[in-house]
């Protein structure tokens, strides 16, 4: 007769051991967390006035935050209404700051959504805005460090704007703004293509705060139907 070999118990696999250890750790942590929560709740129930003080402080903090936000909005509105630039100030700006100045002037005139979008790959648009009459403005900015002594804005600059302002950016009004000079052929091209040129003289009048830009340009498209900005 052959003897049966005694059965050998298999040891649990390492993966199972790790899983069991993780379960134990999770159970210990969960028990500790639940116990801590119960302790905190019991303490707060016994010291309810702490909750009341915390609630009052939270309300005061919220009211203070809302008040400060409203105050900032009021000061921004006052600043925008009184925004003025001289040509010397504009000449001294970096080109990126010049684009921001144009954006701020559009906001001053009521274009609440005006934004600077200039940069790499801007496709000829440095500033976009919607005026209070619903017209979409796309503006290309050409800053010249030396003002009228800098290089003139020429027809190629207008061609870039003409190629992208309406088909790419959906412009109703396509504008090029410069603190320098504009060549005569560029002005003629702008008239032919229904583009608008804001040269140094027009920029000076606009930046002084006398009138919004659409009142200084000729043949601006008629207003769209009233919008939320109207």
C-alpha atoms as a PDB file:
ATOM      1  CA  UNK A   1       0.000   0.000   0.000  1.00  0.00           C
ATOM      2  CA  UNK A   2       1.203   3.450  -0.852  1.00  0.00           C
ATOM      3  CA  UNK A   3       1.228   6.032   1.875  1.00  0.00           C
ATOM      4  CA  UNK A   4      -0.443   9.339   1.233  1.00  0.00           C
ATOM      5  CA  UNK A   5       1.778  12.307   1.644  1.00  0.00           C
ATOM      6  CA  UNK A   6       0.584  14.802   4.231  1.00  0.00           C
ATOM      7  CA  UNK A   7      -1.040  17.819   2.609  1.00  0.00           C
ATOM      8  CA  UNK A   8       1.075  20.973   2.572  1.00  0.00           C
ATOM      9  CA  UNK A   9      -0.681  24.219   3.342  1.00  0.00           C
ATOM     10  CA  UNK A  10      -0.018  26.905   0.809  1.00  0.00           C
ATOM     11  CA  UNK A  11       1.152  30.210   2.140  1.00  0.00           C
ATOM     12  CA  UNK A  12      -0.943  33.233   1.180  1.00  0.00           C
ATOM     13  CA  UNK A  13       0.426  35.055  -1.822  1.00  0.00           C
ATOM     14  CA  UNK A  14       2.319  38.304  -1.284  1.00  0.00           C
ATOM     15  CA  UNK A  15      -0.355  40.230  -3.190  1.00  0.00           C
ATOM     16  CA  UNK A  16      -3.071  38.917  -0.859  1.00  0.00           C
ATOM     17  CA  UNK A  17      -0.966  39.818   2.164  1.00  0.00           C
ATOM     18  CA  UNK A  18      -0.520  43.351   0.883  1.00  0.00           C
ATOM     19  CA  UNK A  19      -4.243  43.641   0.216  1.00  0.00           C
ATOM     20  CA  UNK A  20      -5.091  42.455   3.716  1.00  0.00           C
ATOM     21  CA  UNK A  21      -2.595  44.913   5.209  1.00  0.00           C
ATOM     22  CA  UNK A  22      -4.129  47.767   3.215  1.00  0.00           C
ATOM     23  CA  UNK A  23      -7.616  46.810   4.427  1.00  0.00           C
ATOM     24  CA  UNK A  24      -6.413  46.801   8.022  1.00  0.00           C
ATOM     25  CA  UNK A  25      -4.764  50.206   7.630  1.00  0.00           C
ATOM     26  CA  UNK A  26      -7.897  51.583   5.942  1.00  0.00           C
ATOM     27  CA  UNK A  27     -10.086  50.259   8.743  1.00  0.00           C
ATOM     28  CA  UNK A  28      -7.840  51.789  11.407  1.00  0.00           C
ATOM     29  CA  UNK A  29      -7.749  55.171   9.632  1.00  0.00           C
ATOM     30  CA  UNK A  30     -11.505  55.168   9.015  1.00  0.00           C
ATOM     31  CA  UNK A  31     -12.144  54.333  12.675  1.00  0.00           C
ATOM     32  CA  UNK A  32      -9.835  57.135  13.789  1.00  0.00           C
ATOM     33  CA  UNK A  33     -11.472  59.646  11.445  1.00  0.00           C
ATOM     34  CA  UNK A  34     -14.973  58.706  12.526  1.00  0.00           C
ATOM     35  CA  UNK A  35     -13.947  58.945  16.165  1.00  0.00           C
ATOM     36  CA  UNK A  36     -12.413  62.373  15.573  1.00  0.00           C
ATOM     37  CA  UNK A  37     -15.537  63.585  13.786  1.00  0.00           C
ATOM     38  CA  UNK A  38     -17.731  62.353  16.633  1.00  0.00           C
ATOM     39  CA  UNK A  39     -15.512  64.124  19.150  1.00  0.00           C
ATOM     40  CA  UNK A  40     -15.619  67.402  17.179  1.00  0.00           C
ATOM     41  CA  UNK A  41     -19.408  67.221  16.759  1.00  0.00           C
ATOM     42  CA  UNK A  42     -19.928  66.536  20.464  1.00  0.00           C
ATOM     43  CA  UNK A  43     -17.598  69.401  21.375  1.00  0.00           C
ATOM     44  CA  UNK A  44     -19.396  71.798  19.028  1.00  0.00           C
ATOM     45  CA  UNK A  45     -22.772  70.745  20.423  1.00  0.00           C
ATOM     46  CA  UNK A  46     -21.494  71.520  23.887  1.00  0.00           C
ATOM     47  CA  UNK A  47     -19.968  74.806  22.709  1.00  0.00           C
ATOM     48  CA  UNK A  48     -22.617  75.973  20.239  1.00  0.00           C
ATOM     49  CA  UNK A  49     -21.581  79.593  20.647  1.00  0.00           C
ATOM     50  CA  UNK A  50     -18.359  78.828  18.714  1.00  0.00           C
ATOM     51  CA  UNK A  51     -20.468  77.979  15.664  1.00  0.00           C
ATOM     52  CA  UNK A  52     -22.398  81.217  16.089  1.00  0.00           C
ATOM     53  CA  UNK A  53     -19.196  83.273  16.244  1.00  0.00           C
ATOM     54  CA  UNK A  54     -17.774  81.466  13.193  1.00  0.00           C
ATOM     55  CA  UNK A  55     -20.988  82.127  11.258  1.00  0.00           C
ATOM     56  CA  UNK A  56     -20.945  85.825  12.173  1.00  0.00           C
ATOM     57  CA  UNK A  57     -17.286  86.123  11.135  1.00  0.00           C
ATOM     58  CA  UNK A  58     -17.995  84.372   7.827  1.00  0.00           C
ATOM     59  CA  UNK A  59     -20.895  86.745   7.103  1.00  0.00           C
ATOM     60  CA  UNK A  60     -18.763  89.767   7.959  1.00  0.00           C
ATOM     61  CA  UNK A  61     -15.950  88.494   5.745  1.00  0.00           C
ATOM     62  CA  UNK A  62     -18.373  87.964   2.867  1.00  0.00           C
ATOM     63  CA  UNK A  63     -19.862  91.436   3.270  1.00  0.00           C
ATOM     64  CA  UNK A  64     -16.372  92.958   3.387  1.00  0.00           C
ATOM     65  CA  UNK A  65     -15.308  91.097   0.252  1.00  0.00           C
ATOM     66  CA  UNK A  66     -18.447  92.193  -1.607  1.00  0.00           C
ATOM     67  CA  UNK A  67     -17.987  95.804  -0.489  1.00  0.00           C
ATOM     68  CA  UNK A  68     -14.352  95.858  -1.617  1.00  0.00           C
ATOM     69  CA  UNK A  69     -15.327  94.376  -4.963  1.00  0.00           C
ATOM     70  CA  UNK A  70     -17.991  97.026  -5.485  1.00  0.00           C
ATOM     71  CA  UNK A  71     -15.549  99.750  -4.499  1.00  0.00           C
ATOM     72  CA  UNK A  72     -12.975  98.471  -6.994  1.00  0.00           C
ATOM     73  CA  UNK A  73     -15.628  98.393  -9.708  1.00  0.00           C
ATOM     74  CA  UNK A  74     -16.629 102.006  -8.914  1.00  0.00           C
ATOM     75  CA  UNK A  75     -13.026 103.193  -8.992  1.00  0.00           C
ATOM     76  CA  UNK A  76     -12.431 101.367 -12.268  1.00  0.00           C
ATOM     77  CA  UNK A  77     -15.466 103.092 -13.759  1.00  0.00           C
ATOM     78  CA  UNK A  78     -14.261 106.495 -12.539  1.00  0.00           C
ATOM     79  CA  UNK A  79     -10.782 105.825 -13.876  1.00  0.00           C
ATOM     80  CA  UNK A  80     -12.130 104.714 -17.242  1.00  0.00           C
ATOM     81  CA  UNK A  81     -14.357 107.771 -17.572  1.00  0.00           C
ATOM     82  CA  UNK A  82     -11.445 110.081 -16.839  1.00  0.00           C
ATOM     83  CA  UNK A  83      -8.866 108.182 -18.886  1.00  0.00           C
ATOM     84  CA  UNK A  84      -6.706 110.527 -20.945  1.00  0.00           C
ATOM     85  CA  UNK A  85      -3.477 110.093 -22.865  1.00  0.00           C
ATOM     86  CA  UNK A  86      -1.140 112.593 -24.432  1.00  0.00           C
ATOM     87  CA  UNK A  87       0.848 111.731 -27.547  1.00  0.00           C
ATOM     88  CA  UNK A  88       4.093 111.920 -25.574  1.00  0.00           C
ATOM     89  CA  UNK A  89       2.747 109.305 -23.164  1.00  0.00           C
ATOM     90  CA  UNK A  90       1.729 107.023 -26.010  1.00  0.00           C
ATOM     91  CA  UNK A  91       5.073 107.444 -27.771  1.00  0.00           C
ATOM     92  CA  UNK A  92       6.904 106.355 -24.621  1.00  0.00           C
ATOM     93  CA  UNK A  93       4.947 103.106 -24.250  1.00  0.00           C
ATOM     94  CA  UNK A  94       6.138  99.634 -25.144  1.00  0.00           C
ATOM     95  CA  UNK A  95       4.135  98.267 -28.067  1.00  0.00           C
ATOM     96  CA  UNK A  96       2.298  95.832 -25.758  1.00  0.00           C
ATOM     97  CA  UNK A  97       1.399  98.685 -23.399  1.00  0.00           C
ATOM     98  CA  UNK A  98       0.224 100.679 -26.416  1.00  0.00           C
ATOM     99  CA  UNK A  99      -2.181  97.874 -27.278  1.00  0.00           C
ATOM    100  CA  UNK A 100      -3.418  97.882 -23.683  1.00  0.00           C
ATOM    101  CA  UNK A 101      -3.918 101.659 -23.884  1.00  0.00           C
ATOM    102  CA  UNK A 102      -6.056 101.235 -27.009  1.00  0.00           C
ATOM    103  CA  UNK A 103      -8.067  98.546 -25.221  1.00  0.00           C
ATOM    104  CA  UNK A 104      -8.597 100.853 -22.232  1.00  0.00           C
ATOM    105  CA  UNK A 105      -9.717 103.707 -24.481  1.00  0.00           C
ATOM    106  CA  UNK A 106     -12.333 101.434 -26.045  1.00  0.00           C
ATOM    107  CA  UNK A 107     -13.526 100.463 -22.562  1.00  0.00           C
ATOM    108  CA  UNK A 108     -13.677 104.118 -21.603  1.00  0.00           C
ATOM    109  CA  UNK A 109     -15.996 104.710 -24.549  1.00  0.00           C
ATOM    110  CA  UNK A 110     -18.411 101.978 -23.435  1.00  0.00           C
ATOM    111  CA  UNK A 111     -16.990  98.765 -24.941  1.00  0.00           C
ATOM    112  CA  UNK A 112     -17.172  96.683 -21.793  1.00  0.00           C
ATOM    113  CA  UNK A 113     -15.876  93.515 -23.467  1.00  0.00           C
ATOM    114  CA  UNK A 114     -12.791  95.144 -25.010  1.00  0.00           C
ATOM    115  CA  UNK A 115      -9.781  92.867 -24.757  1.00  0.00           C
ATOM    116  CA  UNK A 116      -6.189  92.800 -25.936  1.00  0.00           C
ATOM    117  CA  UNK A 117      -5.497  89.722 -28.060  1.00  0.00           C
ATOM    118  CA  UNK A 118      -2.234  90.805 -29.696  1.00  0.00           C
ATOM    119  CA  UNK A 119       0.742  88.486 -29.689  1.00  0.00           C
ATOM    120  CA  UNK A 120       2.174  85.653 -31.677  1.00  0.00           C
ATOM    121  CA  UNK A 121      -0.374  84.291 -34.150  1.00  0.00           C
ATOM    122  CA  UNK A 122      -2.889  87.088 -33.564  1.00  0.00           C
ATOM    123  CA  UNK A 123      -3.758  87.099 -37.295  1.00  0.00           C
ATOM    124  CA  UNK A 124      -3.819  90.880 -37.545  1.00  0.00           C
ATOM    125  CA  UNK A 125      -5.966  91.560 -34.474  1.00  0.00           C
ATOM    126  CA  UNK A 126      -4.486  93.283 -31.428  1.00  0.00           C
ATOM    127  CA  UNK A 127      -7.701  94.534 -29.792  1.00  0.00           C
ATOM    128  CA  UNK A 128     -11.289  93.307 -30.115  1.00  0.00           C
ATOM    129  CA  UNK A 129     -14.351  95.089 -28.771  1.00  0.00           C
ATOM    130  CA  UNK A 130     -18.099  95.464 -29.148  1.00  0.00           C
ATOM    131  CA  UNK A 131     -19.379  99.034 -29.007  1.00  0.00           C
ATOM    132  CA  UNK A 132     -22.631 100.047 -27.242  1.00  0.00           C
ATOM    133  CA  UNK A 133     -24.469  99.826 -30.578  1.00  0.00           C
ATOM    134  CA  UNK A 134     -23.524  96.201 -31.147  1.00  0.00           C
ATOM    135  CA  UNK A 135     -20.795  96.647 -33.755  1.00  0.00           C
ATOM    136  CA  UNK A 136     -17.774  94.359 -33.559  1.00  0.00           C
ATOM    137  CA  UNK A 137     -14.438  96.195 -33.738  1.00  0.00           C
ATOM    138  CA  UNK A 138     -11.145  94.583 -34.726  1.00  0.00           C
ATOM    139  CA  UNK A 139      -8.136  96.841 -34.251  1.00  0.00           C
ATOM    140  CA  UNK A 140      -4.563  96.400 -35.350  1.00  0.00           C
ATOM    141  CA  UNK A 141      -2.043  98.562 -33.472  1.00  0.00           C
ATOM    142  CA  UNK A 142       1.169  99.898 -34.990  1.00  0.00           C
ATOM    143  CA  UNK A 143       3.304 101.608 -32.370  1.00  0.00           C
ATOM    144  CA  UNK A 144       6.263 103.696 -33.452  1.00  0.00           C
ATOM    145  CA  UNK A 145       8.819 104.466 -30.756  1.00  0.00           C
ATOM    146  CA  UNK A 146       9.831 107.689 -32.496  1.00  0.00           C
ATOM    147  CA  UNK A 147       6.324 108.807 -33.465  1.00  0.00           C
ATOM    148  CA  UNK A 148       6.227 110.668 -36.782  1.00  0.00           C
ATOM    149  CA  UNK A 149       9.956 110.076 -37.182  1.00  0.00           C
ATOM    150  CA  UNK A 150       9.418 106.322 -37.192  1.00  0.00           C
ATOM    151  CA  UNK A 151       8.655 104.153 -40.193  1.00  0.00           C
ATOM    152  CA  UNK A 152       5.312 104.854 -41.840  1.00  0.00           C
ATOM    153  CA  UNK A 153       2.436 102.392 -41.849  1.00  0.00           C
ATOM    154  CA  UNK A 154       2.125 101.163 -45.418  1.00  0.00           C
ATOM    155  CA  UNK A 155      -0.212  99.237 -47.686  1.00  0.00           C
ATOM    156  CA  UNK A 156       1.125  95.789 -46.620  1.00  0.00           C
ATOM    157  CA  UNK A 157      -0.015  96.479 -43.055  1.00  0.00           C
ATOM    158  CA  UNK A 158      -3.506  97.307 -44.310  1.00  0.00           C
ATOM    159  CA  UNK A 159      -3.531  94.190 -46.488  1.00  0.00           C
ATOM    160  CA  UNK A 160      -2.962  91.971 -43.455  1.00  0.00           C
ATOM    161  CA  UNK A 161      -5.860  93.620 -41.642  1.00  0.00           C
ATOM    162  CA  UNK A 162      -8.081  93.397 -44.708  1.00  0.00           C
ATOM    163  CA  UNK A 163      -7.350  89.690 -45.118  1.00  0.00           C
ATOM    164  CA  UNK A 164      -8.307  88.665 -41.586  1.00  0.00           C
ATOM    165  CA  UNK A 165     -10.489  91.268 -39.868  1.00  0.00           C
ATOM    166  CA  UNK A 166     -13.818  90.269 -41.442  1.00  0.00           C
ATOM    167  CA  UNK A 167     -13.399  86.645 -42.602  1.00  0.00           C
ATOM    168  CA  UNK A 168     -11.412  85.474 -39.541  1.00  0.00           C
ATOM    169  CA  UNK A 169     -12.460  87.782 -36.690  1.00  0.00           C
ATOM    170  CA  UNK A 170     -15.975  88.729 -37.842  1.00  0.00           C
ATOM    171  CA  UNK A 171     -15.349  92.470 -37.765  1.00  0.00           C
ATOM    172  CA  UNK A 172     -17.997  95.048 -38.533  1.00  0.00           C
ATOM    173  CA  UNK A 173     -15.372  97.770 -38.229  1.00  0.00           C
ATOM    174  CA  UNK A 174     -11.729  97.070 -39.105  1.00  0.00           C
ATOM    175  CA  UNK A 175      -9.276  99.689 -37.843  1.00  0.00           C
ATOM    176  CA  UNK A 176      -5.541 100.278 -37.817  1.00  0.00           C
ATOM    177  CA  UNK A 177      -4.248 102.614 -35.099  1.00  0.00           C
ATOM    178  CA  UNK A 178      -0.807 104.195 -35.081  1.00  0.00           C
ATOM    179  CA  UNK A 179       1.022 106.941 -33.259  1.00  0.00           C
ATOM    180  CA  UNK A 180       3.112 107.483 -36.383  1.00  0.00           C
ATOM    181  CA  UNK A 181       2.615 108.243 -40.068  1.00  0.00           C
ATOM    182  CA  UNK A 182       0.514 106.506 -42.721  1.00  0.00           C
ATOM    183  CA  UNK A 183       1.501 106.522 -46.382  1.00  0.00           C
ATOM    184  CA  UNK A 184      -0.852 108.003 -48.987  1.00  0.00           C
ATOM    185  CA  UNK A 185      -1.191 104.674 -50.874  1.00  0.00           C
ATOM    186  CA  UNK A 186      -2.160 102.999 -47.584  1.00  0.00           C
ATOM    187  CA  UNK A 187      -4.873 105.605 -46.992  1.00  0.00           C
ATOM    188  CA  UNK A 188      -6.207 105.066 -50.527  1.00  0.00           C
ATOM    189  CA  UNK A 189      -6.199 101.295 -50.059  1.00  0.00           C
ATOM    190  CA  UNK A 190      -8.084 101.673 -46.775  1.00  0.00           C
ATOM    191  CA  UNK A 191     -10.808 103.713 -48.477  1.00  0.00           C
ATOM    192  CA  UNK A 192     -11.147 101.163 -51.263  1.00  0.00           C
ATOM    193  CA  UNK A 193     -11.461  98.243 -48.839  1.00  0.00           C
ATOM    194  CA  UNK A 194     -13.674  99.981 -46.260  1.00  0.00           C
ATOM    195  CA  UNK A 195     -10.945  99.962 -43.634  1.00  0.00           C
ATOM    196  CA  UNK A 196     -10.445 102.756 -41.116  1.00  0.00           C
ATOM    197  CA  UNK A 197      -7.160 104.474 -40.325  1.00  0.00           C
ATOM    198  CA  UNK A 198      -6.507 106.212 -37.005  1.00  0.00           C
ATOM    199  CA  UNK A 199      -3.365 108.231 -37.643  1.00  0.00           C
ATOM    200  CA  UNK A 200      -1.433 110.313 -35.148  1.00  0.00           C
ATOM    201  CA  UNK A 201      -3.753 113.342 -35.392  1.00  0.00           C
ATOM    202  CA  UNK A 202      -6.934 111.280 -34.962  1.00  0.00           C
ATOM    203  CA  UNK A 203      -5.320 109.324 -32.131  1.00  0.00           C
ATOM    204  CA  UNK A 204      -4.506 112.577 -30.324  1.00  0.00           C
ATOM    205  CA  UNK A 205      -8.143 113.692 -30.456  1.00  0.00           C
ATOM    206  CA  UNK A 206      -9.461 110.283 -29.403  1.00  0.00           C
ATOM    207  CA  UNK A 207      -6.984 109.812 -26.551  1.00  0.00           C
ATOM    208  CA  UNK A 208      -7.756 113.286 -25.190  1.00  0.00           C
ATOM    209  CA  UNK A 209     -11.234 112.018 -24.332  1.00  0.00           C
ATOM    210  CA  UNK A 210     -13.302 114.403 -26.416  1.00  0.00           C
ATOM    211  CA  UNK A 211     -15.392 111.826 -28.301  1.00  0.00           C
ATOM    212  CA  UNK A 212     -15.591 108.060 -28.797  1.00  0.00           C
ATOM    213  CA  UNK A 213     -13.725 106.647 -31.749  1.00  0.00           C
ATOM    214  CA  UNK A 214     -16.821 105.922 -33.851  1.00  0.00           C
ATOM    215  CA  UNK A 215     -17.697 109.607 -33.851  1.00  0.00           C
ATOM    216  CA  UNK A 216     -14.272 110.489 -35.245  1.00  0.00           C
ATOM    217  CA  UNK A 217     -14.301 108.083 -38.196  1.00  0.00           C
ATOM    218  CA  UNK A 218     -16.167 108.402 -41.471  1.00  0.00           C
ATOM    219  CA  UNK A 219     -18.455 105.801 -43.006  1.00  0.00           C
ATOM    220  CA  UNK A 220     -18.692 103.612 -39.918  1.00  0.00           C
ATOM    221  CA  UNK A 221     -21.277 100.837 -40.461  1.00  0.00           C
ATOM    222  CA  UNK A 222     -24.729 101.524 -39.016  1.00  0.00           C
ATOM    223  CA  UNK A 223     -25.577 100.135 -35.566  1.00  0.00           C
ATOM    224  CA  UNK A 224     -26.750  96.593 -35.214  1.00  0.00           C
ATOM    225  CA  UNK A 225     -29.949  95.837 -33.352  1.00  0.00           C
ATOM    226  CA  UNK A 226     -29.756  96.620 -29.597  1.00  0.00           C
ATOM    227  CA  UNK A 227     -27.626  94.262 -27.529  1.00  0.00           C
ATOM    228  CA  UNK A 228     -26.857  93.784 -23.858  1.00  0.00           C
ATOM    229  CA  UNK A 229     -24.147  96.420 -24.300  1.00  0.00           C
ATOM    230  CA  UNK A 230     -26.579  99.017 -25.636  1.00  0.00           C
END
